[in-house]
PDB file of N, CA and C in Angstrom:
ATOM      1  N   MET A   1       0.847  -1.194   0.000  1.00  0.00           N
ATOM      2  CA  MET A   1       0.000   0.000   0.000  1.00  0.00           C
ATOM      3  C   MET A   1       0.882   1.243   0.000  1.00  0.00           C
ATOM      4  N   SER A   2       0.338   2.289  -0.532  1.00  0.00           N
ATOM      5  CA  SER A   2       1.112   3.518  -0.637  1.00  0.00           C
ATOM      6  C   SER A   2       1.124   4.265   0.694  1.00  0.00           C
ATOM      7  N   ASN A   3       1.980   5.224   0.785  1.00  0.00           N
ATOM      8  CA  ASN A   3       2.110   6.029   1.998  1.00  0.00           C
ATOM      9  C   ASN A   3       0.839   6.828   2.266  1.00  0.00           C
ATOM     10  N   LYS A   4       0.199   7.315   1.184  1.00  0.00           N
ATOM     11  CA  LYS A   4      -1.027   8.106   1.322  1.00  0.00           C
ATOM     12  C   LYS A   4      -2.157   7.259   1.903  1.00  0.00           C
ATOM     13  N   VAL A   5      -2.272   6.011   1.452  1.00  0.00           N
ATOM     14  CA  VAL A   5      -3.311   5.107   1.957  1.00  0.00           C
ATOM     15  C   VAL A   5      -3.067   4.804   3.427  1.00  0.00           C
ATOM     16  N   ASN A   6      -1.805   4.583   3.800  1.00  0.00           N
ATOM     17  CA  ASN A   6      -1.482   4.314   5.200  1.00  0.00           C
ATOM     18  C   ASN A   6      -1.865   5.487   6.100  1.00  0.00           C
ATOM     19  N   LYS A   7      -1.628   6.709   5.627  1.00  0.00           N
ATOM     20  CA  LYS A   7      -1.998   7.891   6.407  1.00  0.00           C
ATOM     21  C   LYS A   7      -3.510   7.981   6.583  1.00  0.00           C
ATOM     22  N   ASN A   8      -4.254   7.680   5.506  1.00  0.00           N
ATOM     23  CA  ASN A   8      -5.718   7.727   5.594  1.00  0.00           C
ATOM     24  C   ASN A   8      -6.256   6.661   6.542  1.00  0.00           C
ATOM     25  N   VAL A   9      -5.677   5.463   6.494  1.00  0.00           N
ATOM     26  CA  VAL A   9      -6.100   4.388   7.388  1.00  0.00           C
ATOM     27  C   VAL A   9      -5.800   4.766   8.838  1.00  0.00           C
ATOM     28  N   LEU A  10      -4.630   5.319   9.089  1.00  0.00           N
ATOM     29  CA  LEU A  10      -4.256   5.734  10.431  1.00  0.00           C
ATOM     30  C   LEU A  10      -5.183   6.852  10.933  1.00  0.00           C
ATOM     31  N   ARG A  11      -5.494   7.794  10.061  1.00  0.00           N
ATOM     32  CA  ARG A  11      -6.388   8.895  10.428  1.00  0.00           C
ATOM     33  C   ARG A  11      -7.794   8.369  10.754  1.00  0.00           C
ATOM     34  N   ALA A  12      -8.308   7.474   9.925  1.00  0.00           N
ATOM     35  CA  ALA A  12      -9.639   6.901  10.164  1.00  0.00           C
ATOM     36  C   ALA A  12      -9.668   6.099  11.456  1.00  0.00           C
ATOM     37  N   GLY A  13      -8.620   5.331  11.714  1.00  0.00           N
ATOM     38  CA  GLY A  13      -8.553   4.557  12.963  1.00  0.00           C
ATOM     39  C   GLY A  13      -8.501   5.451  14.185  1.00  0.00           C
ATOM     40  N   THR A  14      -7.765   6.541  14.100  1.00  0.00           N
ATOM     41  CA  THR A  14      -7.662   7.475  15.223  1.00  0.00           C
ATOM     42  C   THR A  14      -9.009   8.134  15.499  1.00  0.00           C
ATOM     43  N   ILE A  15      -9.699   8.542  14.454  1.00  0.00           N
ATOM     44  CA  ILE A  15     -11.010   9.181  14.639  1.00  0.00           C
ATOM     45  C   ILE A  15     -12.018   8.183  15.203  1.00  0.00           C
ATOM     46  N   THR A  16     -11.981   6.953  14.706  1.00  0.00           N
ATOM     47  CA  THR A  16     -12.895   5.931  15.207  1.00  0.00           C
ATOM     48  C   THR A  16     -12.634   5.630  16.675  1.00  0.00           C
ATOM     49  N   ALA A  17     -11.372   5.477  17.040  1.00  0.00           N
ATOM     50  CA  ALA A  17     -11.029   5.199  18.432  1.00  0.00           C
ATOM     51  C   ALA A  17     -11.418   6.370  19.340  1.00  0.00           C
ATOM     52  N   GLY A  18     -11.166   7.589  18.876  1.00  0.00           N
ATOM     53  CA  GLY A  18     -11.532   8.765  19.676  1.00  0.00           C
ATOM     54  C   GLY A  18     -13.033   8.889  19.864  1.00  0.00           C
ATOM     55  N   THR A  19     -13.786   8.619  18.798  1.00  0.00           N
ATOM     56  CA  THR A  19     -15.237   8.678  18.893  1.00  0.00           C
ATOM     57  C   THR A  19     -15.763   7.610  19.842  1.00  0.00           C
ATOM     58  N   ALA A  20     -15.228   6.392  19.738  1.00  0.00           N
ATOM     59  CA  ALA A  20     -15.655   5.315  20.628  1.00  0.00           C
ATOM     60  C   ALA A  20     -15.338   5.652  22.083  1.00  0.00           C
ATOM     61  N   LEU A  21     -14.187   6.234  22.326  1.00  0.00           N
ATOM     62  CA  LEU A  21     -13.813   6.610  23.687  1.00  0.00           C
ATOM     63  C   LEU A  21     -14.751   7.677  24.240  1.00  0.00           C
ATOM     64  N   MET A  22     -15.081   8.667  23.431  1.00  0.00           N
ATOM     65  CA  MET A  22     -16.009   9.709  23.880  1.00  0.00           C
ATOM     66  C   MET A  22     -17.397   9.140  24.158  1.00  0.00           C
ATOM     67  N   LEU A  23     -17.854   8.220  23.325  1.00  0.00           N
ATOM     68  CA  LEU A  23     -19.165   7.600  23.553  1.00  0.00           C
ATOM     69  C   LEU A  23     -19.174   6.785  24.836  1.00  0.00           C
ATOM     70  N   LEU A  24     -18.089   6.072  25.096  1.00  0.00           N
ATOM     71  CA  LEU A  24     -18.017   5.290  26.333  1.00  0.00           C
ATOM     72  C   LEU A  24     -17.978   6.188  27.568  1.00  0.00           C
ATOM     73  N   MET A  25     -17.267   7.303  27.472  1.00  0.00           N
ATOM     74  CA  MET A  25     -17.152   8.198  28.618  1.00  0.00           C
ATOM     75  C   MET A  25     -18.448   8.952  28.893  1.00  0.00           C
ATOM     76  N   SER A  26     -19.290   9.116  27.881  1.00  0.00           N
ATOM     77  CA  SER A  26     -20.535   9.840  28.090  1.00  0.00           C
ATOM     78  C   SER A  26     -21.715   8.896  28.282  1.00  0.00           C
ATOM     79  N   SER A  27     -21.438   7.646  28.565  1.00  0.00           N
ATOM     80  CA  SER A  27     -22.510   6.670  28.731  1.00  0.00           C
ATOM     81  C   SER A  27     -23.298   6.969  30.003  1.00  0.00           C
ATOM     82  N   PRO A  28     -24.524   6.490  30.106  1.00  0.00           N
ATOM     83  CA  PRO A  28     -25.363   6.770  31.261  1.00  0.00           C
ATOM     84  C   PRO A  28     -24.803   6.243  32.583  1.00  0.00           C
ATOM     85  N   ALA A  29     -23.871   5.296  32.553  1.00  0.00           N
ATOM     86  CA  ALA A  29     -23.309   4.768  33.788  1.00  0.00           C
ATOM     87  C   ALA A  29     -22.614   5.871  34.594  1.00  0.00           C
ATOM     88  N   PHE A  30     -22.051   6.850  33.922  1.00  0.00           N
ATOM     89  CA  PHE A  30     -21.378   7.939  34.618  1.00  0.00           C
ATOM     90  C   PHE A  30     -22.365   8.972  35.154  1.00  0.00           C
ATOM     91  N   ALA A  31     -23.621   8.879  34.781  1.00  0.00           N
ATOM     92  CA  ALA A  31     -24.620   9.826  35.257  1.00  0.00           C
ATOM     93  C   ALA A  31     -25.115   9.465  36.651  1.00  0.00           C
ATOM     94  N   LEU A  32     -24.758   8.301  37.166  1.00  0.00           N
ATOM     95  CA  LEU A  32     -25.220   7.888  38.486  1.00  0.00           C
ATOM     96  C   LEU A  32     -24.499   8.620  39.610  1.00  0.00           C
ATOM     97  N   THR A  33     -23.327   9.154  39.334  1.00  0.00           N
ATOM     98  CA  THR A  33     -22.564   9.866  40.354  1.00  0.00           C
ATOM     99  C   THR A  33     -23.126  11.274  40.510  1.00  0.00           C
ATOM    100  N   ARG A  34     -23.521  11.612  41.719  1.00  0.00           N
ATOM    101  CA  ARG A  34     -24.081  12.937  41.998  1.00  0.00           C
ATOM    102  C   ARG A  34     -22.958  13.952  42.187  1.00  0.00           C
ATOM    103  N   ASP A  35     -23.174  15.152  41.697  1.00  0.00           N
ATOM    104  CA  ASP A  35     -22.235  16.238  41.911  1.00  0.00           C
ATOM    105  C   ASP A  35     -22.560  16.927  43.231  1.00  0.00           C
ATOM    106  N   ASP A  36     -21.592  17.682  43.756  1.00  0.00           N
ATOM    107  CA  ASP A  36     -21.837  18.453  44.975  1.00  0.00           C
ATOM    108  C   ASP A  36     -22.894  19.506  44.704  1.00  0.00           C
ATOM    109  N   GLY A  37     -23.871  19.618  45.587  1.00  0.00           N
ATOM    110  CA  GLY A  37     -24.927  20.595  45.438  1.00  0.00           C
ATOM    111  C   GLY A  37     -26.029  20.140  44.506  1.00  0.00           C
ATOM    112  N   ASP A  38     -25.954  18.925  44.016  1.00  0.00           N
ATOM    113  CA  ASP A  38     -26.969  18.397  43.107  1.00  0.00           C
ATOM    114  C   ASP A  38     -28.227  18.076  43.904  1.00  0.00           C
ATOM    115  N   ASP A  39     -29.339  18.658  43.517  1.00  0.00           N
ATOM    116  CA  ASP A  39     -30.603  18.435  44.220  1.00  0.00           C
ATOM    117  C   ASP A  39     -31.712  18.250  43.189  1.00  0.00           C
ATOM    118  N   PRO A  40     -31.830  17.051  42.619  1.00  0.00           N
ATOM    119  CA  PRO A  40     -32.851  16.845  41.600  1.00  0.00           C
ATOM    120  C   PRO A  40     -34.251  16.907  42.188  1.00  0.00           C
ATOM    121  N   GLY A  41     -35.144  17.479  41.447  1.00  0.00           N
ATOM    122  CA  GLY A  41     -36.524  17.580  41.895  1.00  0.00           C
ATOM    123  C   GLY A  41     -37.280  16.294  41.609  1.00  0.00           C
ATOM    124  N   PRO A  42     -38.565  16.298  41.918  1.00  0.00           N
ATOM    125  CA  PRO A  42     -39.363  15.105  41.646  1.00  0.00           C
ATOM    126  C   PRO A  42     -39.525  14.902  40.136  1.00  0.00           C
ATOM    127  N   GLY A  43     -39.695  13.664  39.726  1.00  0.00           N
ATOM    128  CA  GLY A  43     -39.845  13.354  38.307  1.00  0.00           C
ATOM    129  C   GLY A  43     -41.194  13.802  37.776  1.00  0.00           C
ATOM    130  N   LEU A  44     -41.313  13.835  36.458  1.00  0.00           N
ATOM    131  CA  LEU A  44     -42.566  14.206  35.817  1.00  0.00           C
ATOM    132  C   LEU A  44     -43.412  12.959  35.580  1.00  0.00           C
ATOM    133  N   SER A  45     -44.721  13.123  35.685  1.00  0.00           N
ATOM    134  CA  SER A  45     -45.614  12.020  35.347  1.00  0.00           C
ATOM    135  C   SER A  45     -45.712  11.915  33.826  1.00  0.00           C
ATOM    136  N   VAL A  46     -46.372  10.864  33.351  1.00  0.00           N
ATOM    137  CA  VAL A  46     -46.518  10.676  31.912  1.00  0.00           C
ATOM    138  C   VAL A  46     -47.327  11.820  31.315  1.00  0.00           C
ATOM    139  N   ILE A  47     -48.391  12.226  31.993  1.00  0.00           N
ATOM    140  CA  ILE A  47     -49.243  13.319  31.497  1.00  0.00           C
ATOM    141  C   ILE A  47     -48.456  14.624  31.440  1.00  0.00           C
ATOM    142  N   GLU A  48     -47.678  14.907  32.485  1.00  0.00           N
ATOM    143  CA  GLU A  48     -46.879  16.133  32.498  1.00  0.00           C
ATOM    144  C   GLU A  48     -45.824  16.116  31.388  1.00  0.00           C
ATOM    145  N   THR A  49     -45.213  14.964  31.170  1.00  0.00           N
ATOM    146  CA  THR A  49     -44.203  14.848  30.120  1.00  0.00           C
ATOM    147  C   THR A  49     -44.819  15.060  28.747  1.00  0.00           C
ATOM    148  N   LEU A  50     -45.953  14.425  28.485  1.00  0.00           N
ATOM    149  CA  LEU A  50     -46.619  14.599  27.194  1.00  0.00           C
ATOM    150  C   LEU A  50     -47.079  16.042  27.001  1.00  0.00           C
ATOM    151  N   GLY A  51     -47.577  16.647  28.060  1.00  0.00           N
ATOM    152  CA  GLY A  51     -48.007  18.033  27.956  1.00  0.00           C
ATOM    153  C   GLY A  51     -46.856  18.970  27.662  1.00  0.00           C
ATOM    154  N   LEU A  52     -45.726  18.732  28.328  1.00  0.00           N
ATOM    155  CA  LEU A  52     -44.569  19.617  28.180  1.00  0.00           C
ATOM    156  C   LEU A  52     -43.865  19.445  26.841  1.00  0.00           C
ATOM    157  N   TYR A  53     -43.714  18.207  26.387  1.00  0.00           N
ATOM    158  CA  TYR A  53     -42.903  17.946  25.199  1.00  0.00           C
ATOM    159  C   TYR A  53     -43.710  17.662  23.938  1.00  0.00           C
ATOM    160  N   VAL A  54     -45.041  17.505  24.045  1.00  0.00           N
ATOM    161  CA  VAL A  54     -45.857  17.256  22.863  1.00  0.00           C
ATOM    162  C   VAL A  54     -46.908  18.360  22.699  1.00  0.00           C
ATOM    163  N   ALA A  55     -47.760  18.519  23.705  1.00  0.00           N
ATOM    164  CA  ALA A  55     -48.880  19.450  23.581  1.00  0.00           C
ATOM    165  C   ALA A  55     -48.411  20.911  23.530  1.00  0.00           C
ATOM    166  N   LEU A  56     -47.501  21.287  24.407  1.00  0.00           N
ATOM    167  CA  LEU A  56     -47.050  22.679  24.448  1.00  0.00           C
ATOM    168  C   LEU A  56     -46.404  23.129  23.135  1.00  0.00           C
ATOM    169  N   PRO A  57     -45.503  22.359  22.520  1.00  0.00           N
ATOM    170  CA  PRO A  57     -44.972  22.798  21.218  1.00  0.00           C
ATOM    171  C   PRO A  57     -46.039  22.895  20.131  1.00  0.00           C
ATOM    172  N   ILE A  58     -47.007  21.977  20.140  1.00  0.00           N
ATOM    173  CA  ILE A  58     -48.082  22.047  19.138  1.00  0.00           C
ATOM    174  C   ILE A  58     -48.909  23.308  19.340  1.00  0.00           C
ATOM    175  N   VAL A  59     -49.242  23.617  20.585  1.00  0.00           N
ATOM    176  CA  VAL A  59     -50.025  24.820  20.880  1.00  0.00           C
ATOM    177  C   VAL A  59     -49.243  26.072  20.480  1.00  0.00           C
ATOM    178  N   LEU A  60     -47.957  26.115  20.809  1.00  0.00           N
ATOM    179  CA  LEU A  60     -47.146  27.275  20.432  1.00  0.00           C
ATOM    180  C   LEU A  60     -47.065  27.420  18.913  1.00  0.00           C
ATOM    181  N   PHE A  61     -46.925  26.312  18.205  1.00  0.00           N
ATOM    182  CA  PHE A  61     -46.900  26.359  16.746  1.00  0.00           C
ATOM    183  C   PHE A  61     -48.214  26.918  16.209  1.00  0.00           C
ATOM    184  N   LEU A  62     -49.330  26.439  16.742  1.00  0.00           N
ATOM    185  CA  LEU A  62     -50.631  26.905  16.262  1.00  0.00           C
ATOM    186  C   LEU A  62     -50.842  28.391  16.559  1.00  0.00           C
ATOM    187  N   VAL A  63     -50.410  28.845  17.728  1.00  0.00           N
ATOM    188  CA  VAL A  63     -50.552  30.263  18.071  1.00  0.00           C
ATOM    189  C   VAL A  63     -49.716  31.125  17.130  1.00  0.00           C
ATOM    190  N   ILE A  64     -48.475  30.721  16.893  1.00  0.00           N
ATOM    191  CA  ILE A  64     -47.607  31.501  16.005  1.00  0.00           C
ATOM    192  C   ILE A  64     -48.155  31.486  14.577  1.00  0.00           C
ATOM    193  N   ALA A  65     -48.602  30.302  14.107  1.00  0.00           N
ATOM    194  CA  ALA A  65     -49.170  30.216  12.758  1.00  0.00           C
ATOM    195  C   ALA A  65     -50.431  31.063  12.650  1.00  0.00           C
ATOM    196  N   GLY A  66     -51.253  31.070  13.691  1.00  0.00           N
ATOM    197  CA  GLY A  66     -52.459  31.892  13.684  1.00  0.00           C
ATOM    198  C   GLY A  66     -52.142  33.377  13.623  1.00  0.00           C
ATOM    199  N   LEU A  67     -51.136  33.804  14.385  1.00  0.00           N
ATOM    200  CA  LEU A  67     -50.742  35.212  14.345  1.00  0.00           C
ATOM    201  C   LEU A  67     -50.197  35.604  12.972  1.00  0.00           C
ATOM    202  N   VAL A  68     -49.438  34.721  12.356  1.00  0.00           N
ATOM    203  CA  VAL A  68     -48.915  35.005  11.019  1.00  0.00           C
ATOM    204  C   VAL A  68     -50.059  35.105  10.017  1.00  0.00           C
ATOM    205  N   MET A  69     -51.006  34.174  10.089  1.00  0.00           N
ATOM    206  CA  MET A  69     -52.145  34.205   9.162  1.00  0.00           C
ATOM    207  C   MET A  69     -53.008  35.443   9.396  1.00  0.00           C
ATOM    208  N   LEU A  70     -53.173  35.835  10.658  1.00  0.00           N
ATOM    209  CA  LEU A  70     -53.948  37.028  10.977  1.00  0.00           C
ATOM    210  C   LEU A  70     -53.283  38.271  10.386  1.00  0.00           C
ATOM    211  N   GLY A  71     -51.963  38.355  10.518  1.00  0.00           N
ATOM    212  CA  GLY A  71     -51.233  39.485   9.939  1.00  0.00           C
ATOM    213  C   GLY A  71     -51.304  39.496   8.427  1.00  0.00           C
ATOM    214  N   ASP A  72     -51.294  38.332   7.822  1.00  0.00           N
ATOM    215  CA  ASP A  72     -51.365  38.234   6.365  1.00  0.00           C
ATOM    216  C   ASP A  72     -52.747  38.634   5.863  1.00  0.00           C
ATOM    217  N   LYS A  73     -53.801  38.248   6.560  1.00  0.00           N
ATOM    218  CA  LYS A  73     -55.165  38.595   6.143  1.00  0.00           C
ATOM    219  C   LYS A  73     -55.415  40.090   6.244  1.00  0.00           C
ATOM    220  N   SER A  74     -54.865  40.718   7.278  1.00  0.00           N
ATOM    221  CA  SER A  74     -55.093  42.158   7.428  1.00  0.00           C
ATOM    222  C   SER A  74     -54.404  42.925   6.303  1.00  0.00           C
ATOM    223  N   ARG A  75     -53.270  42.438   5.816  1.00  0.00           N
ATOM    224  CA  ARG A  75     -52.585  43.091   4.703  1.00  0.00           C
ATOM    225  C   ARG A  75     -53.363  42.910   3.412  1.00  0.00           C
ATOM    226  N   LYS A  76     -53.923  41.733   3.193  1.00  0.00           N
ATOM    227  CA  LYS A  76     -54.686  41.488   1.967  1.00  0.00           C
ATOM    228  C   LYS A  76     -55.937  42.336   1.938  1.00  0.00           C
ATOM    229  N   GLN A  77     -56.599  42.481   3.088  1.00  0.00           N
ATOM    230  CA  GLN A  77     -57.826  43.284   3.125  1.00  0.00           C
ATOM    231  C   GLN A  77     -57.491  44.753   2.882  1.00  0.00           C
ATOM    232  N   ALA A  78     -56.398  45.229   3.415  1.00  0.00           N
ATOM    233  CA  ALA A  78     -56.020  46.623   3.199  1.00  0.00           C
ATOM    234  C   ALA A  78     -55.669  46.869   1.735  1.00  0.00           C
ATOM    235  N   GLY A  79     -55.088  45.875   1.079  1.00  0.00           N
ATOM    236  CA  GLY A  79     -54.704  46.025  -0.323  1.00  0.00           C
ATOM    237  C   GLY A  79     -55.898  45.959  -1.251  1.00  0.00           C
ATOM    238  N   THR A  80     -56.971  45.227  -0.914  1.00  0.00           N
ATOM    239  CA  THR A  80     -58.126  45.083  -1.793  1.00  0.00           C
ATOM    240  C   THR A  80     -59.087  46.251  -1.699  1.00  0.00           C
ATOM    241  N   LYS A  81     -58.982  47.072  -0.646  1.00  0.00           N
ATOM    242  CA  LYS A  81     -59.878  48.203  -0.483  1.00  0.00           C
ATOM    243  C   LYS A  81     -59.581  49.324  -1.460  1.00  0.00           C
ATOM    244  N   ALA A  82     -58.394  49.375  -1.985  1.00  0.00           N
ATOM    245  CA  ALA A  82     -58.001  50.468  -2.885  1.00  0.00           C
ATOM    246  C   ALA A  82     -58.583  50.370  -4.224  1.00  0.00           C
TER     247      ALA A  82
END
């Protein structure tokens, strides 16, 4: 193999090893150790989780879309009166 191919193989191996090491170090097993001053609150119920991460974004999207449509309609009505 040529020198260029060897460099590419070495570079790919280094990146793969580094990525694997970072993934192992950030695994959930290391999340069990509490930090000083760590005071987690109570967990969320299923209903609270769905409301926070599903319903609330949908409602915010609908409100923003409604405001945009309302602004667009007022411009069209002002333009048609002339």
